[in-house]
C-alpha cells in the first residue's frame, strides 16, 4: 500500500497527466479525483487533513484538465477511457490496492473504476454524484431531471464555450448560486476558462450518452461510503438514497447538513474523517 518515490505525472493513451503527490511518502495511499469545473487543487484542504491522519494523497488533474492531456472530441472522454486513466495512475504509483475517493464527475469515474477493477481498490468514497444507475432512477422518480437541465445544454457543440468565454459573469453567478465562494470562482476563471480546460471539462458531459448500458447495472464489491450534502442544488436526496442498492459490500450513506455541492472545500474536516473511517473499516 506504500511506494518509495513521488509521482508528479504519468502517461496514458499518449497523454501526460499532472499529479499532486503529497503527504507522508510511506503513508497509506488515497487517490482523490476532482470534478467539474475544477482541478485537483479543489482537494487541497481535504488532502492536508488526510496527511495529518498519516495518509499519502495522490491527486491528478484529469483528462481534459491537464494541459498535456486534452484530447479533442467527446469519444476520448468515454467512461472506459476515464477508468483506464485511473488504472494507469494506480499502476504508476506502484502501491495498490489504494483507497479511492471522487467528487462530482470524479465520483462518477470512481464508481466505474471500483466496479470494473475491484482488485485495485481497497475502499471507495464518493461525494455528491451517486452510482450512474441511481442517478438515472432518480431522474425518473424525483426532481433530479429538473436539477440536471444544464447537462443537456452542455451537449451542444462549441456554443456553451462561446457563451461562457464571451460572458463569463453568467457562469460566475450560477456558480455563486450553487454555494461557490468568490475565491473558488476566481480559481475556476484562472484554471478552467483562461487556462484552456473548458472544452475538456464539458466533454465529460458530452460523452455521458456514450456510456454503455451495463454501467447502469454495474455492481461495486468494495466497502463504500457515499456522501451527500443537503445544500447541493445539483443532486437530489433521492439519488443519494438509491446509491447503496448498487453496492455488494459494506456501505454507508453520510448526509452533511448545511453544506453545498462543493464538499471537499466547504466541509474538508468532515470529509477527511469520512474517508479515514471508510479506509479504516476496510482494513
Protein backbone atom coordinates (compact mmCIF):
# COMPACT_ATOMS: atom_id res chain seq x y z
CA UNK A 1 0.00 0.00 0.00
CA UNK A 2 3.03 2.30 0.01
CA UNK A 3 5.62 3.31 -2.60
CA UNK A 4 9.13 4.71 -2.35
CA UNK A 5 9.06 7.59 -4.82
CA UNK A 6 6.99 10.66 -5.61
CA UNK A 7 4.87 10.81 -8.76
CA UNK A 8 4.40 14.21 -10.38
CA UNK A 9 2.98 12.92 -13.68
CA UNK A 10 2.00 9.78 -15.52
CA UNK A 11 1.44 8.82 -19.15
CA UNK A 12 -1.53 7.06 -20.68
CA UNK A 13 -3.17 6.96 -24.10
CA UNK A 14 -0.41 9.18 -25.47
CA UNK A 15 -1.33 11.83 -22.88
CA UNK A 16 0.60 13.17 -19.88
CA UNK A 17 -1.29 13.91 -16.68
CA UNK A 18 -0.10 16.21 -13.90
CA UNK A 19 -0.26 14.80 -10.38
CA UNK A 20 -0.09 16.26 -6.86
CA UNK A 21 1.63 13.67 -4.67
CA UNK A 22 1.77 14.92 -1.08
CA UNK A 23 1.71 13.72 2.49
CA UNK A 24 3.97 11.14 4.15
CA UNK A 25 5.73 9.08 1.49
CA UNK A 26 5.27 5.90 3.49
CA UNK A 27 1.61 6.66 4.22
CA UNK A 28 -1.35 4.61 3.04
CA UNK A 29 -2.33 5.89 -0.41
CA UNK A 30 -5.60 7.69 -1.09
CA UNK A 31 -6.33 8.70 -4.70
CA UNK A 32 -8.59 11.76 -4.99
CA UNK A 33 -10.46 12.53 -8.24
CA UNK A 34 -11.84 16.03 -8.91
CA UNK A 35 -14.93 17.12 -10.80
CA UNK A 36 -16.21 19.98 -12.98
CA UNK A 37 -15.31 22.83 -13.23
CA UNK A 38 -12.28 22.31 -11.02
CA UNK A 39 -8.82 20.76 -10.99
CA UNK A 40 -7.11 18.65 -8.38
CA UNK A 41 -6.50 21.86 -6.41
CA UNK A 42 -10.06 21.52 -5.11
CA UNK A 43 -8.87 18.67 -2.85
CA UNK A 44 -6.10 20.70 -1.16
CA UNK A 45 -7.84 21.24 2.19
CA UNK A 46 -9.12 17.69 2.50
CA UNK A 47 -5.74 16.29 1.44
CA UNK A 48 -3.91 18.33 4.10
CA UNK A 49 -6.19 16.89 6.78
CA UNK A 50 -5.65 13.37 5.48
CA UNK A 51 -1.89 13.96 5.75
CA UNK A 52 -2.35 14.72 9.44
CA UNK A 53 -4.00 11.30 9.74
CA UNK A 54 -0.99 9.63 8.10
CA UNK A 55 -2.24 9.27 4.54
CA UNK A 56 -0.37 9.99 1.37
CA UNK A 57 -2.67 11.63 -1.20
CA UNK A 58 -2.40 11.30 -4.99
CA UNK A 59 -4.45 13.92 -6.84
CA UNK A 60 -4.36 14.00 -10.66
CA UNK A 61 -5.60 16.75 -12.92
CA UNK A 62 -7.82 14.56 -15.01
CA UNK A 63 -8.38 14.12 -18.75
CA UNK A 64 -9.32 17.43 -20.34
CA UNK A 65 -7.81 19.41 -17.46
CA UNK A 66 -4.10 18.60 -17.52
CA UNK A 67 -2.53 20.82 -20.24
CA UNK A 68 -0.84 17.79 -21.85
CA UNK A 69 -3.95 15.59 -21.62
CA UNK A 70 -6.65 17.40 -23.57
CA UNK A 71 -7.72 15.20 -26.46
CA UNK A 72 -10.29 16.56 -28.91
CA UNK A 73 -13.78 15.15 -29.33
CA UNK A 74 -16.23 13.59 -26.92
CA UNK A 75 -15.29 9.99 -27.80
CA UNK A 76 -11.98 10.47 -26.00
CA UNK A 77 -13.94 11.08 -22.78
CA UNK A 78 -15.92 7.85 -22.68
CA UNK A 79 -16.18 6.15 -19.29
CA UNK A 80 -13.84 3.38 -20.44
CA UNK A 81 -11.06 5.92 -21.04
CA UNK A 82 -11.61 7.64 -17.68
CA UNK A 83 -11.40 4.32 -15.86
CA UNK A 84 -8.28 3.41 -17.82
CA UNK A 85 -6.70 6.73 -16.79
CA UNK A 86 -7.29 5.95 -13.10
CA UNK A 87 -5.96 2.42 -13.51
CA UNK A 88 -2.84 3.78 -15.24
CA UNK A 89 -2.32 6.21 -12.36
CA UNK A 90 -2.56 3.45 -9.76
CA UNK A 91 -0.03 1.38 -11.67
CA UNK A 92 2.26 4.43 -11.95
CA UNK A 93 2.16 4.87 -8.17
CA UNK A 94 3.16 1.26 -7.69
CA UNK A 95 1.18 0.98 -4.48
CA UNK A 96 -2.05 -0.90 -4.85
CA UNK A 97 -4.70 -1.55 -3.89
CA UNK A 98 -5.50 2.04 -2.94
CA UNK A 99 -8.31 3.89 -1.25
CA UNK A 100 -10.24 5.87 -3.87
CA UNK A 101 -12.39 8.99 -3.44
CA UNK A 102 -14.04 11.20 -6.01
CA UNK A 103 -16.18 14.33 -6.09
CA UNK A 104 -18.71 15.30 -8.78
CA UNK A 105 -17.56 13.80 -12.12
CA UNK A 106 -14.61 12.38 -10.22
CA UNK A 107 -17.14 10.39 -8.19
CA UNK A 108 -18.63 9.02 -11.40
CA UNK A 109 -15.18 7.88 -12.53
CA UNK A 110 -14.53 6.42 -9.09
CA UNK A 111 -17.77 4.38 -9.10
CA UNK A 112 -16.87 2.93 -12.52
CA UNK A 113 -13.28 2.19 -11.55
CA UNK A 114 -14.30 0.38 -8.36
CA UNK A 115 -16.90 -1.66 -10.26
CA UNK A 116 -14.52 -2.67 -13.04
CA UNK A 117 -11.26 -3.06 -11.11
CA UNK A 118 -12.02 -4.02 -7.51
CA UNK A 119 -8.59 -5.69 -7.37
CA UNK A 120 -7.03 -2.21 -7.36
CA UNK A 121 -9.41 -0.54 -4.87
CA UNK A 122 -9.40 -1.10 -1.11
CA UNK A 123 -12.27 1.25 -0.31
CA UNK A 124 -14.44 3.79 -2.14
CA UNK A 125 -15.72 7.19 -1.00
CA UNK A 126 -17.95 9.03 -3.46
CA UNK A 127 -19.02 12.62 -2.94
CA UNK A 128 -22.17 14.23 -4.38
CA UNK A 129 -22.59 12.11 -7.54
CA UNK A 130 -24.12 8.65 -6.95
CA UNK A 131 -23.82 5.47 -8.96
CA UNK A 132 -24.95 6.01 -12.58
CA UNK A 133 -27.89 3.65 -12.13
CA UNK A 134 -29.07 5.51 -9.04
CA UNK A 135 -28.74 8.82 -10.87
CA UNK A 136 -30.90 7.63 -13.78
CA UNK A 137 -33.55 6.18 -11.48
CA UNK A 138 -33.63 9.43 -9.51
CA UNK A 139 -34.23 11.35 -12.75
CA UNK A 140 -37.37 9.25 -13.24
CA UNK A 141 -38.63 9.39 -9.65
CA UNK A 142 -37.67 12.81 -8.25
CA UNK A 143 -36.81 16.36 -9.26
CA UNK A 144 -33.37 15.22 -10.44
CA UNK A 145 -34.24 15.78 -14.10
CA UNK A 146 -35.00 19.44 -13.42
CA UNK A 147 -31.82 19.82 -11.38
CA UNK A 148 -29.82 18.40 -14.30
CA UNK A 149 -31.08 20.74 -17.03
CA UNK A 150 -27.59 22.16 -17.62
CA UNK A 151 -26.24 18.73 -18.54
CA UNK A 152 -28.40 18.77 -21.65
CA UNK A 153 -27.37 22.31 -22.56
CA UNK A 154 -23.74 21.21 -22.40
CA UNK A 155 -24.40 18.63 -25.14
CA UNK A 156 -24.44 21.41 -27.77
CA UNK A 157 -21.08 21.59 -29.58
CA UNK A 158 -18.92 24.74 -29.11
CA UNK A 159 -21.83 27.05 -28.18
CA UNK A 160 -21.50 26.70 -24.37
CA UNK A 161 -17.81 27.58 -24.63
CA UNK A 162 -18.58 30.62 -26.77
CA UNK A 163 -21.25 31.86 -24.38
CA UNK A 164 -19.07 31.33 -21.29
CA UNK A 165 -15.98 32.97 -22.77
CA UNK A 166 -17.89 35.98 -24.05
CA UNK A 167 -19.99 36.37 -20.93
CA UNK A 168 -18.24 34.65 -18.01
CA UNK A 169 -20.27 36.62 -15.47
CA UNK A 170 -23.31 34.40 -16.15
CA UNK A 171 -21.36 31.28 -15.24
CA UNK A 172 -19.88 33.00 -12.22
CA UNK A 173 -23.35 33.98 -10.98
CA UNK A 174 -24.53 30.42 -11.49
CA UNK A 175 -21.60 29.02 -9.54
CA UNK A 176 -22.17 31.53 -6.75
CA UNK A 177 -25.77 30.33 -6.60
CA UNK A 178 -24.57 26.78 -6.00
CA UNK A 179 -22.52 27.86 -2.99
CA UNK A 180 -19.10 28.53 -4.53
CA UNK A 181 -17.09 31.23 -2.80
CA UNK A 182 -15.53 34.18 -4.61
CA UNK A 183 -12.09 32.60 -4.22
CA UNK A 184 -13.26 29.34 -5.77
CA UNK A 185 -14.88 31.20 -8.67
CA UNK A 186 -11.64 33.10 -9.28
CA UNK A 187 -9.84 29.78 -9.47
CA UNK A 188 -12.37 28.45 -11.99
CA UNK A 189 -11.76 31.56 -14.09
CA UNK A 190 -7.98 31.06 -13.97
CA UNK A 191 -7.73 27.28 -14.25
CA UNK A 192 -10.68 26.41 -16.45
CA UNK A 193 -11.77 29.37 -18.58
CA UNK A 194 -8.45 31.19 -19.04
CA UNK A 195 -6.43 28.01 -18.56
CA UNK A 196 -7.93 26.31 -21.60
CA UNK A 197 -9.66 23.42 -19.81
CA UNK A 198 -13.27 24.41 -20.51
CA UNK A 199 -13.88 22.25 -23.59
CA UNK A 200 -12.17 19.26 -22.00
CA UNK A 201 -14.32 19.59 -18.89
CA UNK A 202 -17.51 19.92 -20.94
CA UNK A 203 -16.57 16.85 -22.96
CA UNK A 204 -17.17 14.73 -19.88
CA UNK A 205 -20.84 15.75 -20.18
CA UNK A 206 -20.88 15.25 -23.95
CA UNK A 207 -19.61 11.70 -23.56
CA UNK A 208 -22.13 10.67 -20.91
CA UNK A 209 -24.62 9.42 -23.53
CA UNK A 210 -21.89 7.09 -24.82
CA UNK A 211 -21.84 5.19 -21.54
CA UNK A 212 -22.69 1.51 -22.12
CA UNK A 213 -25.99 0.29 -20.60
CA UNK A 214 -24.05 -2.20 -18.48
CA UNK A 215 -22.61 0.73 -16.49
CA UNK A 216 -26.09 1.42 -15.13
CA UNK A 217 -26.18 -2.07 -13.61
CA UNK A 218 -22.52 -2.45 -12.56
CA UNK A 219 -22.04 -3.67 -9.00
CA UNK A 220 -19.42 -2.36 -6.58
CA UNK A 221 -17.88 -5.01 -4.35
CA UNK A 222 -15.57 -2.93 -2.14
CA UNK A 223 -16.50 -1.11 1.10
CA UNK A 224 -18.16 2.13 0.08
CA UNK A 225 -19.37 5.39 1.60
CA UNK A 226 -21.46 7.85 -0.37
CA UNK A 227 -21.55 11.46 0.83
CA UNK A 228 -24.41 13.80 0.01
CA UNK A 229 -24.95 17.35 1.28
CA UNK A 230 -28.41 18.84 1.77
CA UNK A 231 -27.39 22.17 0.23
CA UNK A 232 -26.49 20.54 -3.09
CA UNK A 233 -28.52 22.20 -5.84
CA UNK A 234 -27.38 19.70 -8.50
CA UNK A 235 -28.06 16.33 -6.83
CA UNK A 236 -31.26 15.18 -5.18
CA UNK A 237 -31.50 13.29 -1.93
CA UNK A 238 -33.31 10.53 -3.80
CA UNK A 239 -30.21 9.87 -5.93
CA UNK A 240 -28.12 9.51 -2.77
CA UNK A 241 -30.64 7.18 -1.16
CA UNK A 242 -30.59 4.85 -4.17
CA UNK A 243 -26.79 4.63 -4.43
CA UNK A 244 -26.40 1.86 -1.86
CA UNK A 245 -28.51 -0.51 -3.95
CA UNK A 246 -25.52 -0.91 -6.28
CA UNK A 247 -23.01 -1.93 -3.58
CA UNK A 248 -22.45 -5.57 -2.62
CA UNK A 249 -20.17 -4.79 0.33
CA UNK A 250 -20.17 -2.71 3.48
CA UNK A 251 -21.99 0.53 2.71
CA UNK A 252 -22.73 3.80 4.48
CA UNK A 253 -24.60 6.93 3.40
CA UNK A 254 -23.31 10.11 5.04
CA UNK A 255 -25.51 13.22 4.86
CA UNK A 256 -23.90 16.59 5.59
CA UNK A 257 -26.26 19.34 6.67
CA UNK A 258 -25.87 22.98 5.71
CA UNK A 259 -23.20 22.16 3.10
CA UNK A 260 -23.33 22.98 -0.61
CA UNK A 261 -22.20 20.85 -3.55
CA UNK A 262 -18.55 21.86 -3.05
CA UNK A 263 -17.91 19.46 -0.19
CA UNK A 264 -14.10 18.95 -0.41
CA UNK A 265 -13.53 22.64 0.31
CA UNK A 266 -16.56 23.59 2.38
CA UNK A 267 -16.58 20.54 4.65
CA UNK A 268 -12.98 19.34 4.44
CA UNK A 269 -12.78 18.31 8.11
CA UNK A 270 -15.91 16.15 7.92
CA UNK A 271 -14.93 14.66 4.57
CA UNK A 272 -11.41 13.75 5.68
CA UNK A 273 -12.89 11.98 8.70
CA UNK A 274 -15.33 10.08 6.47
CA UNK A 275 -12.58 8.97 4.07
CA UNK A 276 -10.46 7.90 7.04
CA UNK A 277 -13.29 5.89 8.59
CA UNK A 278 -14.12 4.21 5.26
CA UNK A 279 -10.46 3.30 4.78
CA UNK A 280 -10.06 2.08 8.36
CA UNK A 281 -13.20 -0.07 8.20
CA UNK A 282 -11.87 -1.68 5.02
CA UNK A 283 -8.56 -2.63 6.63
